[in-house]
Amino acid sequence: MRWDKDQPLEELRYERKFLVDELDSHHVRALVKLHPMMFVQPYPPRYVNNIYLDSEDLVNYIENVDGVEKRRKVRLRWYGDLLGDSPKTMLEFKLRQGLMNRKIQVPLGGLRVDKTFNKQVLEEFFRQNELPLDISLGLHGLSPVLINRYCRWYFATPDGRFRVTVDTALTYYNVRHLTNAFRYKFVDYKRIVVELKYQKEEDKTAERVASYFPFRVTKNSKYVTGLESVFW
């Protein structure tokens, strides 16, 4: 369960991102389905919600903008409705180095997000879940700074070697320490984020898989985009 920026690279997953801003969701999904690898939809699309945590001086944000070789993101994720009670949530430490990333996931109970949500509510939520010591230390000094939400479509090759996600209706909300009405938001209807995911041993084949997509490769980070959209 430990998270560590120095995790051996052979245990990390590869991920290639593409940013699409000239096609609509229907066309993007059609192109994925027409790929020679015969991508299929293993399950229906769903809404993904994330609360990103960072330090007071936004160290994780700065590391991502500066392209620090080994960097991390910390978030709380759940699916379905944004506001109200979620049945369960997942705490994630996402460690990244270049195209490679690794997730440390900690399943937690349900969280209520409404106008009373703030830093203190989240801290109490973590205390109630009795996190392991190493995970608690990883959260030390972090506060909620951003919520993002999007509709995610899932695709996979029949053998499961490659997976593609298509994210649309990207929406961002700033999070303040005391009160949050979630009225100020930014919705990016124009951009679509496509991600190709696979294991390290498939990297050479992935070059060929990616070459069939008429999308531009990007280092796009939803966290960075969100902060810059609703704070500055």
Protein backbone atom coordinates (compact mmCIF):
# COMPACT_ATOMS: atom_id res chain seq x y z
CA MET A 1 0.00 0.00 0.00
CA ARG A 2 3.00 2.29 0.28
CA TRP A 3 3.40 5.10 -2.26
CA ASP A 4 6.87 6.13 -3.34
CA LYS A 5 8.20 8.39 -6.10
CA ASP A 6 11.13 5.98 -6.49
CA GLN A 7 8.93 2.97 -7.34
CA PRO A 8 10.82 0.73 -9.85
CA LEU A 9 9.83 1.62 -13.40
CA GLU A 10 9.12 -1.96 -14.42
CA GLU A 11 6.11 -1.92 -12.09
CA LEU A 12 4.58 1.16 -13.69
CA ARG A 13 1.88 1.33 -16.35
CA TYR A 14 2.33 3.23 -19.60
CA GLU A 15 -0.10 5.93 -20.67
CA ARG A 16 -0.27 8.07 -23.81
CA LYS A 17 -2.57 11.09 -23.92
CA PHE A 18 -4.14 12.79 -26.92
CA LEU A 19 -5.98 16.10 -27.00
CA VAL A 20 -8.80 16.49 -29.52
CA ASP A 21 -10.35 19.90 -30.17
CA GLU A 22 -11.54 19.68 -33.77
CA LEU A 23 -13.90 16.67 -33.60
CA ASP A 24 -16.99 15.98 -31.53
CA SER A 25 -17.41 13.04 -29.16
CA HIS A 26 -19.35 10.96 -31.68
CA HIS A 27 -16.57 11.18 -34.28
CA VAL A 28 -13.83 10.44 -31.74
CA ARG A 29 -15.60 7.33 -30.48
CA ALA A 30 -16.27 6.20 -34.05
CA LEU A 31 -12.55 6.46 -34.86
CA VAL A 32 -11.69 4.33 -31.84
CA LYS A 33 -14.18 1.66 -32.92
CA LEU A 34 -12.77 1.67 -36.46
CA HIS A 35 -9.21 1.04 -35.22
CA PRO A 36 -7.61 -2.16 -36.64
CA MET A 37 -7.18 -3.45 -33.05
CA MET A 38 -10.98 -3.79 -32.94
CA PHE A 39 -11.66 -1.91 -29.72
CA VAL A 40 -14.94 -2.80 -28.00
CA GLN A 41 -16.83 -1.22 -25.11
CA PRO A 42 -16.47 -3.47 -22.03
CA TYR A 43 -19.04 -1.45 -20.08
CA PRO A 44 -21.16 1.70 -20.44
CA PRO A 45 -19.86 5.26 -20.01
CA ARG A 46 -20.13 6.91 -16.61
CA TYR A 47 -19.39 10.20 -14.89
CA VAL A 48 -16.11 10.43 -13.01
CA ASN A 49 -15.64 12.89 -10.13
CA ASN A 50 -12.31 13.85 -8.57
CA ILE A 51 -11.24 16.03 -5.67
CA TYR A 52 -7.59 17.00 -6.10
CA LEU A 53 -5.44 17.70 -3.06
CA ASP A 54 -2.31 19.80 -2.98
CA SER A 55 -0.10 21.71 -0.58
CA GLU A 56 -0.67 25.34 0.38
CA ASP A 57 1.96 26.42 -2.17
CA LEU A 58 0.66 23.98 -4.85
CA VAL A 59 3.78 21.83 -5.10
CA ASN A 60 2.06 19.12 -7.17
CA TYR A 61 0.76 21.72 -9.63
CA ILE A 62 4.19 23.35 -10.00
CA GLU A 63 5.91 19.99 -10.53
CA ASN A 64 3.46 19.16 -13.32
CA VAL A 65 3.84 22.56 -15.01
CA ASP A 66 7.65 22.42 -14.75
CA GLY A 67 7.73 18.86 -16.09
CA VAL A 68 9.58 17.44 -13.08
CA GLU A 69 10.68 13.92 -14.00
CA LYS A 70 9.08 12.21 -11.02
CA ARG A 71 5.88 13.83 -9.83
CA ARG A 72 2.59 12.94 -8.21
CA LYS A 73 -1.08 13.81 -7.96
CA VAL A 74 -3.33 13.03 -5.03
CA ARG A 75 -7.08 12.76 -5.51
CA LEU A 76 -10.28 11.31 -4.15
CA ARG A 77 -12.44 9.66 -6.84
CA TRP A 78 -16.03 8.46 -7.09
CA TYR A 79 -18.57 7.80 -9.84
CA GLY A 80 -22.08 9.04 -10.58
CA ASP A 81 -23.57 12.20 -9.14
CA LEU A 82 -21.24 15.00 -8.12
CA LEU A 83 -23.28 16.36 -5.22
CA GLY A 84 -24.89 14.37 -2.43
CA ASP A 85 -23.78 11.07 -0.90
CA SER A 86 -21.46 8.79 -2.82
CA PRO A 87 -21.70 5.09 -1.86
CA LYS A 88 -17.92 4.71 -1.88
CA THR A 89 -14.79 6.64 -2.82
CA MET A 90 -11.22 5.81 -3.77
CA LEU A 91 -8.16 7.69 -2.53
CA GLU A 92 -5.47 7.65 -5.21
CA PHE A 93 -1.81 8.59 -5.29
CA LYS A 94 -0.83 8.79 -8.96
CA LEU A 95 2.93 8.65 -9.46
CA ARG A 96 4.20 9.60 -12.89
CA GLN A 97 7.50 9.54 -14.78
CA GLY A 98 7.31 10.42 -18.47
CA LEU A 99 4.82 8.07 -20.16
CA MET A 100 4.81 5.77 -17.15
CA ASN A 101 2.56 5.95 -14.14
CA ARG A 102 1.51 3.92 -11.15
CA LYS A 103 -1.52 4.27 -8.89
CA ILE A 104 -1.73 3.52 -5.21
CA GLN A 105 -5.43 3.09 -4.44
CA VAL A 106 -7.09 3.03 -1.03
CA PRO A 107 -10.83 2.20 -0.94
CA LEU A 108 -12.81 4.40 1.46
CA GLY A 109 -16.41 4.83 2.54
CA GLY A 110 -18.99 7.22 1.16
CA LEU A 111 -18.47 10.98 1.20
CA ARG A 112 -21.10 13.72 1.16
CA VAL A 113 -20.31 16.69 -1.08
CA ASP A 114 -22.60 19.72 -0.70
CA LYS A 115 -22.39 23.38 0.34
CA THR A 116 -20.96 22.33 3.73
CA PHE A 117 -17.97 20.60 2.13
CA ASN A 118 -14.59 22.09 3.07
CA LYS A 119 -11.11 21.19 4.26
CA GLN A 120 -12.28 20.29 7.77
CA VAL A 121 -15.01 17.99 6.45
CA LEU A 122 -12.47 16.10 4.34
CA GLU A 123 -9.99 15.82 7.21
CA GLU A 124 -12.72 14.34 9.42
CA PHE A 125 -13.66 11.95 6.61
CA PHE A 126 -10.09 10.66 6.48
CA ARG A 127 -9.97 10.28 10.27
CA GLN A 128 -13.17 8.25 10.27
CA ASN A 129 -11.70 5.89 7.66
CA GLU A 130 -8.70 5.11 9.90
CA LEU A 131 -6.06 5.31 7.20
CA PRO A 132 -2.78 3.39 7.50
CA LEU A 133 0.09 5.45 8.88
CA ASP A 134 2.03 5.67 5.60
CA ILE A 135 -1.07 6.88 3.74
CA SER A 136 -1.82 9.46 6.45
CA LEU A 137 1.74 10.73 6.16
CA GLY A 138 1.29 11.03 2.40
CA LEU A 139 -1.72 13.30 3.00
CA HIS A 140 0.06 15.51 5.51
CA GLY A 141 -0.10 19.19 4.55
CA LEU A 142 -2.54 18.62 1.68
CA SER A 143 -5.90 20.36 1.20
CA PRO A 144 -8.68 20.06 -1.39
CA VAL A 145 -8.13 22.65 -4.14
CA LEU A 146 -10.06 21.47 -7.21
CA ILE A 147 -12.98 19.27 -8.22
CA ASN A 148 -13.26 18.02 -11.76
CA ARG A 149 -15.93 15.93 -13.44
CA TYR A 150 -16.27 14.38 -16.89
CA CYS A 151 -18.08 11.70 -18.81
CA ARG A 152 -15.75 8.77 -19.55
CA TRP A 153 -16.24 6.23 -22.34
CA TYR A 154 -14.30 2.95 -22.06
CA PHE A 155 -12.80 0.82 -24.83
CA ALA A 156 -10.51 -2.21 -24.82
CA THR A 157 -9.02 -4.67 -27.29
CA PRO A 158 -10.62 -8.15 -27.12
CA ASP A 159 -7.45 -9.55 -25.50
CA GLY A 160 -7.30 -6.71 -22.97
CA ARG A 161 -3.75 -5.66 -23.88
CA PHE A 162 -4.75 -2.09 -24.72
CA ARG A 163 -7.37 0.18 -23.22
CA VAL A 164 -8.64 3.54 -24.41
CA THR A 165 -10.69 6.08 -22.49
CA VAL A 166 -12.47 9.06 -24.04
CA ASP A 167 -13.29 11.92 -21.66
CA THR A 168 -15.87 14.55 -22.61
CA ALA A 169 -17.73 17.46 -20.95
CA LEU A 170 -14.71 18.33 -18.81
CA THR A 171 -15.92 20.45 -15.90
CA TYR A 172 -13.89 22.15 -13.16
CA TYR A 173 -14.82 23.71 -9.80
CA ASN A 174 -12.52 25.55 -7.41
CA VAL A 175 -12.59 24.42 -3.78
CA ARG A 176 -12.23 26.90 -0.92
CA HIS A 177 -11.22 26.11 2.65
CA LEU A 178 -14.42 27.33 4.34
CA THR A 179 -17.55 27.31 2.14
CA ASN A 180 -18.33 25.97 -1.30
CA ALA A 181 -21.48 26.69 -3.30
CA PHE A 182 -19.97 25.11 -6.46
CA ARG A 183 -21.54 27.85 -8.56
CA TYR A 184 -18.36 29.05 -10.23
CA LYS A 185 -17.22 26.46 -12.72
CA PHE A 186 -15.62 26.10 -16.12
CA VAL A 187 -16.99 23.61 -18.64
CA ASP A 188 -14.74 22.75 -21.57
CA TYR A 189 -17.13 21.52 -24.25
CA LYS A 190 -14.54 21.85 -27.00
CA ARG A 191 -11.73 19.60 -25.79
CA ILE A 192 -11.81 15.82 -25.57
CA VAL A 193 -9.08 13.84 -23.84
CA VAL A 194 -8.19 10.39 -25.20
CA GLU A 195 -5.85 8.09 -23.27
CA LEU A 196 -4.20 4.88 -24.45
CA LYS A 197 -3.13 2.61 -21.57
CA TYR A 198 -1.01 -0.53 -21.59
CA GLN A 199 1.76 -2.42 -19.81
CA LYS A 200 5.47 -1.75 -20.27
CA GLU A 201 6.12 -4.81 -22.45
CA GLU A 202 3.62 -3.50 -25.02
CA ASP A 203 5.40 -0.19 -25.59
CA LYS A 204 6.74 -0.98 -29.07
CA THR A 205 3.37 -2.26 -30.26
CA ALA A 206 1.73 0.80 -28.72
CA GLU A 207 3.63 3.01 -31.15
CA ARG A 208 1.79 1.32 -34.01
CA VAL A 209 -1.52 1.37 -32.16
CA ALA A 210 -1.21 5.09 -31.48
CA SER A 211 -0.20 5.89 -35.07
CA TYR A 212 -3.71 5.05 -36.30
CA PHE A 213 -5.26 7.82 -34.23
CA PRO A 214 -5.40 11.21 -36.02
CA PHE A 215 -5.04 12.99 -32.68
CA ARG A 216 -2.16 15.07 -31.38
CA VAL A 217 -0.13 13.74 -28.47
CA THR A 218 -0.26 15.96 -25.43
CA LYS A 219 1.06 16.27 -21.88
CA ASN A 220 -2.37 17.58 -20.92
CA SER A 221 -3.15 17.37 -17.21
CA LYS A 222 -6.76 17.81 -16.11
CA TYR A 223 -5.49 19.04 -12.77
CA VAL A 224 -3.31 21.75 -14.31
CA THR A 225 -6.01 22.75 -16.81
CA GLY A 226 -8.59 22.93 -14.05
CA LEU A 227 -6.56 25.10 -11.72
CA GLU A 228 -5.69 27.50 -14.50
CA SER A 229 -9.33 27.64 -15.63
CA VAL A 230 -11.02 28.46 -12.33
CA PHE A 231 -8.35 30.26 -10.31
CA TRP A 232 -6.42 32.48 -12.72
